[in-house]
Amino acid sequence: MKILDRYITKTLLKYSLSVMVVLVGIFAFFKFLEEVGDIGRSGYTLLDALVYVGLLI
């Protein structure tokens, strides 16, 4: 039973982590799309937008 418990735990953690990475990626993508409109205004660059989105994560 110990082997089965370990397998189930490992599988659940693997898939939970995969789903979390995908959801965070989608969130970051849409936040970046919101920032694209502001690029070029008042010295706000693409790098600034990427840093902002990265810090939100």
N, C-alpha and C. Protein backbone atom coordinates (compact mmCIF):
# COMPACT_ATOMS: atom_id res chain seq x y z
N MET A 1 0.81 -1.19 0.00
CA MET A 1 0.00 0.00 0.00
C MET A 1 0.86 1.26 0.00
N LYS A 2 2.03 1.18 0.58
CA LYS A 2 2.92 2.33 0.65
C LYS A 2 3.35 2.77 -0.75
N ILE A 3 3.61 1.82 -1.63
CA ILE A 3 4.01 2.13 -3.01
C ILE A 3 2.87 2.81 -3.75
N LEU A 4 1.66 2.31 -3.56
CA LEU A 4 0.50 2.90 -4.22
C LEU A 4 0.26 4.33 -3.72
N ASP A 5 0.37 4.55 -2.43
CA ASP A 5 0.21 5.90 -1.88
C ASP A 5 1.24 6.86 -2.45
N ARG A 6 2.46 6.41 -2.55
CA ARG A 6 3.53 7.25 -3.10
C ARG A 6 3.27 7.56 -4.58
N TYR A 7 2.81 6.57 -5.33
CA TYR A 7 2.50 6.77 -6.75
C TYR A 7 1.37 7.78 -6.93
N ILE A 8 0.31 7.63 -6.15
CA ILE A 8 -0.83 8.54 -6.25
C ILE A 8 -0.42 9.96 -5.88
N THR A 9 0.35 10.10 -4.81
CA THR A 9 0.81 11.42 -4.39
C THR A 9 1.68 12.07 -5.46
N LYS A 10 2.60 11.30 -6.01
CA LYS A 10 3.49 11.84 -7.03
C LYS A 10 2.71 12.25 -8.28
N THR A 11 1.75 11.44 -8.67
CA THR A 11 0.95 11.73 -9.86
C THR A 11 0.10 12.98 -9.64
N LEU A 12 -0.54 13.08 -8.49
CA LEU A 12 -1.36 14.26 -8.21
C LEU A 12 -0.52 15.53 -8.16
N LEU A 13 0.63 15.46 -7.54
CA LEU A 13 1.51 16.63 -7.49
C LEU A 13 1.98 17.05 -8.88
N LYS A 14 2.31 16.06 -9.69
CA LYS A 14 2.79 16.36 -11.05
C LYS A 14 1.72 17.06 -11.87
N TYR A 15 0.50 16.54 -11.83
CA TYR A 15 -0.55 17.14 -12.63
C TYR A 15 -1.03 18.47 -12.05
N SER A 16 -1.03 18.59 -10.74
CA SER A 16 -1.40 19.87 -10.12
C SER A 16 -0.40 20.95 -10.49
N LEU A 17 0.87 20.62 -10.45
CA LEU A 17 1.91 21.58 -10.82
C LEU A 17 1.79 21.96 -12.30
N SER A 18 1.49 20.99 -13.15
CA SER A 18 1.33 21.28 -14.58
C SER A 18 0.17 22.24 -14.81
N VAL A 19 -0.94 22.01 -14.16
CA VAL A 19 -2.11 22.89 -14.31
C VAL A 19 -1.79 24.28 -13.79
N MET A 20 -1.09 24.36 -12.67
CA MET A 20 -0.74 25.66 -12.10
C MET A 20 0.17 26.44 -13.04
N VAL A 21 1.14 25.77 -13.66
CA VAL A 21 2.05 26.44 -14.60
C VAL A 21 1.27 26.96 -15.80
N VAL A 22 0.34 26.18 -16.31
CA VAL A 22 -0.46 26.61 -17.46
C VAL A 22 -1.32 27.82 -17.08
N LEU A 23 -1.97 27.77 -15.94
CA LEU A 23 -2.82 28.89 -15.52
C LEU A 23 -2.03 30.17 -15.28
N VAL A 24 -0.87 30.05 -14.68
CA VAL A 24 -0.02 31.23 -14.46
C VAL A 24 0.46 31.77 -15.80
N GLY A 25 0.77 30.89 -16.74
CA GLY A 25 1.18 31.32 -18.07
C GLY A 25 0.08 32.08 -18.79
N ILE A 26 -1.14 31.59 -18.68
CA ILE A 26 -2.27 32.28 -19.31
C ILE A 26 -2.49 33.64 -18.66
N PHE A 27 -2.42 33.68 -17.33
CA PHE A 27 -2.55 34.95 -16.61
C PHE A 27 -1.49 35.95 -17.06
N ALA A 28 -0.25 35.50 -17.14
CA ALA A 28 0.85 36.38 -17.53
C ALA A 28 0.67 36.87 -18.96
N PHE A 29 0.23 36.01 -19.84
CA PHE A 29 0.02 36.39 -21.24
C PHE A 29 -1.03 37.49 -21.35
N PHE A 30 -2.16 37.34 -20.64
CA PHE A 30 -3.20 38.35 -20.73
C PHE A 30 -2.80 39.65 -20.04
N LYS A 31 -2.03 39.57 -18.96
CA LYS A 31 -1.53 40.79 -18.34
C LYS A 31 -0.57 41.51 -19.28
N PHE A 32 0.25 40.75 -20.00
CA PHE A 32 1.16 41.36 -20.97
C PHE A 32 0.37 42.04 -22.08
N LEU A 33 -0.69 41.40 -22.55
CA LEU A 33 -1.52 42.02 -23.59
C LEU A 33 -2.13 43.33 -23.11
N GLU A 34 -2.47 43.42 -21.83
CA GLU A 34 -2.97 44.68 -21.28
C GLU A 34 -1.90 45.77 -21.30
N GLU A 35 -0.66 45.37 -21.11
CA GLU A 35 0.44 46.34 -21.05
C GLU A 35 0.92 46.78 -22.42
N VAL A 36 0.65 46.01 -23.46
CA VAL A 36 1.15 46.32 -24.81
C VAL A 36 0.66 47.68 -25.27
N GLY A 37 -0.54 48.06 -24.91
CA GLY A 37 -1.08 49.35 -25.32
C GLY A 37 -0.33 50.54 -24.75
N ASP A 38 0.35 50.33 -23.63
CA ASP A 38 1.07 51.43 -22.98
C ASP A 38 2.53 51.54 -23.41
N ILE A 39 3.01 50.58 -24.17
CA ILE A 39 4.41 50.61 -24.62
C ILE A 39 4.60 51.80 -25.55
N GLY A 40 5.64 52.56 -25.31
CA GLY A 40 5.94 53.74 -26.12
C GLY A 40 5.47 55.03 -25.49
N ARG A 41 4.67 54.96 -24.46
CA ARG A 41 4.19 56.16 -23.78
C ARG A 41 5.12 56.48 -22.61
N SER A 42 5.58 57.69 -22.57
CA SER A 42 6.40 58.20 -21.45
C SER A 42 7.61 57.32 -21.15
N GLY A 43 8.22 56.78 -22.18
CA GLY A 43 9.43 55.99 -21.99
C GLY A 43 9.18 54.57 -21.50
N TYR A 44 7.95 54.12 -21.54
CA TYR A 44 7.60 52.76 -21.12
C TYR A 44 7.95 51.80 -22.26
N THR A 45 8.91 50.93 -22.02
CA THR A 45 9.43 50.06 -23.08
C THR A 45 8.89 48.64 -22.94
N LEU A 46 9.22 47.84 -23.94
CA LEU A 46 8.84 46.43 -23.92
C LEU A 46 9.47 45.73 -22.72
N LEU A 47 10.71 46.06 -22.44
CA LEU A 47 11.39 45.46 -21.29
C LEU A 47 10.69 45.83 -19.99
N ASP A 48 10.24 47.07 -19.88
CA ASP A 48 9.50 47.49 -18.69
C ASP A 48 8.21 46.68 -18.53
N ALA A 49 7.52 46.45 -19.64
CA ALA A 49 6.28 45.67 -19.59
C ALA A 49 6.57 44.23 -19.17
N LEU A 50 7.64 43.65 -19.70
CA LEU A 50 7.99 42.27 -19.34
C LEU A 50 8.39 42.17 -17.87
N VAL A 51 9.13 43.15 -17.39
CA VAL A 51 9.52 43.15 -15.97
C VAL A 51 8.28 43.29 -15.09
N TYR A 52 7.37 44.16 -15.47
CA TYR A 52 6.14 44.35 -14.69
C TYR A 52 5.35 43.05 -14.60
N VAL A 53 5.15 42.40 -15.73
CA VAL A 53 4.39 41.15 -15.74
C VAL A 53 5.13 40.06 -14.97
N GLY A 54 6.44 40.03 -15.11
CA GLY A 54 7.23 39.05 -14.36
C GLY A 54 7.12 39.24 -12.86
N LEU A 55 7.09 40.48 -12.42
CA LEU A 55 6.97 40.76 -10.99
C LEU A 55 5.56 40.47 -10.46
N LEU A 56 4.57 40.52 -11.33
CA LEU A 56 3.21 40.17 -10.90
C LEU A 56 3.08 38.69 -10.58
N ILE A 57 3.88 37.90 -11.25
CA ILE A 57 3.83 36.45 -11.01
C ILE A 57 4.43 36.18 -9.67
